[in-house]
Amino acid sequence: VQFVESGGGLVQPGGSLRLSCAASGISIYNMGWYRQAPGKQRELVARLTSGGSTNYADSTKGRFTISRDNAKNTFYLQMNSLKPEDTADYYCNLHPPYSIYWGQGTQVTVSS
């Protein structure tokens, strides 16, 4: 099983980014996007179950959207109205996460 994240970058406050997570070696599963800001613990940002249900952290609700393209076995995190406090390394993994499946992540920096 492998997850590869991409799509991060530098964006101004109020901007948008779409992160991608290419999955291999696994098909049907509950998925999560996580983030870790400098000096903080990794936290769950959004969750998508195999049945299609979604949940979001209070801090991202209404701004972030998690989705899945089954044909590509790829997950996405659409992030709108970004704030400086969204700055972090973003990771995808199963939910609950398996420690051996953490990838390199993709860095998101929200700054003017």
C-alpha atoms as a PDB file:
ATOM      1  CA  VAL A   1       0.000   0.000   0.000  1.00  0.00           C
ATOM      2  CA  GLN A   2       1.280   3.434  -0.897  1.00  0.00           C
ATOM      3  CA  PHE A   3      -0.142   6.944  -0.777  1.00  0.00           C
ATOM      4  CA  VAL A   4       1.512   9.781  -2.688  1.00  0.00           C
ATOM      5  CA  GLU A   5       0.405  13.334  -2.010  1.00  0.00           C
ATOM      6  CA  SER A   6       0.776  16.284  -4.363  1.00  0.00           C
ATOM      7  CA  GLY A   7      -0.641  19.698  -5.104  1.00  0.00           C
ATOM      8  CA  GLY A   8       0.711  21.778  -2.253  1.00  0.00           C
ATOM      9  CA  GLY A   9       2.302  25.162  -2.632  1.00  0.00           C
ATOM     10  CA  LEU A  10       2.318  28.788  -1.605  1.00  0.00           C
ATOM     11  CA  VAL A  11      -1.009  30.599  -1.745  1.00  0.00           C
ATOM     12  CA  GLN A  12      -2.293  33.919  -0.495  1.00  0.00           C
ATOM     13  CA  PRO A  13      -4.937  34.085   2.214  1.00  0.00           C
ATOM     14  CA  GLY A  14      -8.348  33.553   0.679  1.00  0.00           C
ATOM     15  CA  GLY A  15      -6.924  31.455  -2.118  1.00  0.00           C
ATOM     16  CA  SER A  16      -7.536  27.847  -3.082  1.00  0.00           C
ATOM     17  CA  LEU A  17      -5.557  24.678  -3.624  1.00  0.00           C
ATOM     18  CA  ARG A  18      -6.488  21.147  -4.566  1.00  0.00           C
ATOM     19  CA  LEU A  19      -4.425  18.364  -3.079  1.00  0.00           C
ATOM     20  CA  SER A  20      -4.263  14.925  -4.642  1.00  0.00           C
ATOM     21  CA  CYS A  21      -3.523  11.560  -3.089  1.00  0.00           C
ATOM     22  CA  ALA A  22      -2.697   8.723  -5.451  1.00  0.00           C
ATOM     23  CA  ALA A  23      -3.313   5.368  -3.807  1.00  0.00           C
ATOM     24  CA  SER A  24      -1.904   2.024  -4.841  1.00  0.00           C
ATOM     25  CA  GLY A  25      -2.169  -1.468  -3.462  1.00  0.00           C
ATOM     26  CA  ILE A  26      -5.576  -0.904  -1.914  1.00  0.00           C
ATOM     27  CA  SER A  27      -9.043  -0.259  -3.287  1.00  0.00           C
ATOM     28  CA  ILE A  28     -12.031   0.125  -0.954  1.00  0.00           C
ATOM     29  CA  TYR A  29     -11.294   1.838   2.315  1.00  0.00           C
ATOM     30  CA  ASN A  30     -11.993   4.717   4.659  1.00  0.00           C
ATOM     31  CA  MET A  31      -9.677   7.592   3.869  1.00  0.00           C
ATOM     32  CA  GLY A  32      -8.464  10.659   5.662  1.00  0.00           C
ATOM     33  CA  TRP A  33      -6.551  13.832   4.988  1.00  0.00           C
ATOM     34  CA  TYR A  34      -4.352  14.941   7.866  1.00  0.00           C
ATOM     35  CA  ARG A  35      -2.078  17.871   8.497  1.00  0.00           C
ATOM     36  CA  GLN A  36       0.769  18.749  10.780  1.00  0.00           C
ATOM     37  CA  ALA A  37       1.789  22.317  11.426  1.00  0.00           C
ATOM     38  CA  PRO A  38       5.238  23.147  12.804  1.00  0.00           C
ATOM     39  CA  GLY A  39       5.409  22.358  16.496  1.00  0.00           C
ATOM     40  CA  LYS A  40       1.964  20.763  16.554  1.00  0.00           C
ATOM     41  CA  GLN A  41       0.563  17.265  16.491  1.00  0.00           C
ATOM     42  CA  ARG A  42      -0.826  15.766  13.340  1.00  0.00           C
ATOM     43  CA  GLU A  43      -4.566  16.241  13.112  1.00  0.00           C
ATOM     44  CA  LEU A  44      -7.401  14.895  11.008  1.00  0.00           C
ATOM     45  CA  VAL A  45      -8.680  17.441   8.507  1.00  0.00           C
ATOM     46  CA  ALA A  46     -11.313  15.466   6.633  1.00  0.00           C
ATOM     47  CA  ARG A  47     -12.563  11.898   6.378  1.00  0.00           C
ATOM     48  CA  LEU A  48     -14.282   9.991   3.601  1.00  0.00           C
ATOM     49  CA  THR A  49     -15.710   6.559   4.243  1.00  0.00           C
ATOM     50  CA  SER A  50     -15.925   3.758   1.713  1.00  0.00           C
ATOM     51  CA  GLY A  51     -19.656   4.400   1.669  1.00  0.00           C
ATOM     52  CA  GLY A  52     -19.217   8.045   0.740  1.00  0.00           C
ATOM     53  CA  SER A  53     -19.865   9.754   4.076  1.00  0.00           C
ATOM     54  CA  THR A  54     -17.694  12.730   4.932  1.00  0.00           C
ATOM     55  CA  ASN A  55     -16.633  14.438   8.138  1.00  0.00           C
ATOM     56  CA  TYR A  56     -14.557  17.544   8.649  1.00  0.00           C
ATOM     57  CA  ALA A  57     -12.646  19.169  11.431  1.00  0.00           C
ATOM     58  CA  ASP A  58     -14.465  22.195  12.791  1.00  0.00           C
ATOM     59  CA  SER A  59     -11.645  24.415  11.560  1.00  0.00           C
ATOM     60  CA  THR A  60     -12.113  23.282   7.945  1.00  0.00           C
ATOM     61  CA  LYS A  61     -15.847  22.727   7.733  1.00  0.00           C
ATOM     62  CA  GLY A  62     -17.406  24.722   4.926  1.00  0.00           C
ATOM     63  CA  ARG A  63     -14.043  25.485   3.341  1.00  0.00           C
ATOM     64  CA  PHE A  64     -12.542  22.067   2.545  1.00  0.00           C
ATOM     65  CA  THR A  65     -14.070  19.258   0.505  1.00  0.00           C
ATOM     66  CA  ILE A  66     -12.790  15.684   0.368  1.00  0.00           C
ATOM     67  CA  SER A  67     -13.628  13.577  -2.664  1.00  0.00           C
ATOM     68  CA  ARG A  68     -12.597  10.434  -4.488  1.00  0.00           C
ATOM     69  CA  ASP A  69     -12.154   9.355  -8.087  1.00  0.00           C
ATOM     70  CA  ASN A  70     -12.597   5.591  -7.982  1.00  0.00           C
ATOM     71  CA  ALA A  71     -11.447   5.106 -11.559  1.00  0.00           C
ATOM     72  CA  LYS A  72      -8.114   6.731 -10.759  1.00  0.00           C
ATOM     73  CA  ASN A  73      -7.929   5.448  -7.171  1.00  0.00           C
ATOM     74  CA  THR A  74      -7.154   9.004  -6.205  1.00  0.00           C
ATOM     75  CA  PHE A  75      -8.426  11.195  -3.392  1.00  0.00           C
ATOM     76  CA  TYR A  76      -8.643  14.942  -3.386  1.00  0.00           C
ATOM     77  CA  LEU A  77      -8.863  17.732  -0.875  1.00  0.00           C
ATOM     78  CA  GLN A  78     -10.250  20.939  -2.304  1.00  0.00           C
ATOM     79  CA  MET A  79      -9.263  23.783  -0.016  1.00  0.00           C
ATOM     80  CA  ASN A  80     -10.951  27.160  -0.405  1.00  0.00           C
ATOM     81  CA  SER A  81     -10.781  30.374   1.597  1.00  0.00           C
ATOM     82  CA  LEU A  82      -7.389  29.383   2.908  1.00  0.00           C
ATOM     83  CA  LYS A  83      -6.102  30.996   6.068  1.00  0.00           C
ATOM     84  CA  PRO A  84      -2.560  31.365   7.436  1.00  0.00           C
ATOM     85  CA  GLU A  85      -3.456  28.835  10.127  1.00  0.00           C
ATOM     86  CA  ASP A  86      -3.971  26.241   7.384  1.00  0.00           C
ATOM     87  CA  THR A  87      -0.225  26.271   6.806  1.00  0.00           C
ATOM     88  CA  ALA A  88       1.037  22.729   7.375  1.00  0.00           C
ATOM     89  CA  ASP A  89       2.283  19.561   5.774  1.00  0.00           C
ATOM     90  CA  TYR A  90      -0.708  17.617   4.479  1.00  0.00           C
ATOM     91  CA  TYR A  91      -0.882  13.836   4.361  1.00  0.00           C
ATOM     92  CA  CYS A  92      -3.342  11.200   3.291  1.00  0.00           C
ATOM     93  CA  ASN A  93      -3.761   7.832   4.940  1.00  0.00           C
ATOM     94  CA  LEU A  94      -6.394   5.357   5.914  1.00  0.00           C
ATOM     95  CA  HIS A  95      -8.784   6.334   8.641  1.00  0.00           C
ATOM     96  CA  PRO A  96      -7.856   5.393  11.271  1.00  0.00           C
ATOM     97  CA  PRO A  97      -4.307   5.866   9.994  1.00  0.00           C
ATOM     98  CA  TYR A  98      -1.681   3.157   9.776  1.00  0.00           C
ATOM     99  CA  SER A  99       1.738   4.449  10.771  1.00  0.00           C
ATOM    100  CA  ILE A 100       3.520   2.482   8.063  1.00  0.00           C
ATOM    101  CA  TYR A 101       1.465   4.188   5.351  1.00  0.00           C
ATOM    102  CA  TRP A 102       2.497   7.788   6.035  1.00  0.00           C
ATOM    103  CA  GLY A 103       3.998   9.303   2.898  1.00  0.00           C
ATOM    104  CA  GLN A 104       6.127  12.386   2.370  1.00  0.00           C
ATOM    105  CA  GLY A 105       3.168  14.727   2.448  1.00  0.00           C
ATOM    106  CA  THR A 106       2.731  17.937   0.539  1.00  0.00           C
ATOM    107  CA  GLN A 107       3.478  21.338   1.998  1.00  0.00           C
ATOM    108  CA  VAL A 108       0.881  24.075   2.043  1.00  0.00           C
ATOM    109  CA  THR A 109       1.881  27.602   2.949  1.00  0.00           C
ATOM    110  CA  VAL A 110      -0.726  30.335   3.231  1.00  0.00           C
ATOM    111  CA  SER A 111       0.931  33.708   3.354  1.00  0.00           C
ATOM    112  CA  SER A 112       0.767  37.138   1.784  1.00  0.00           C
END
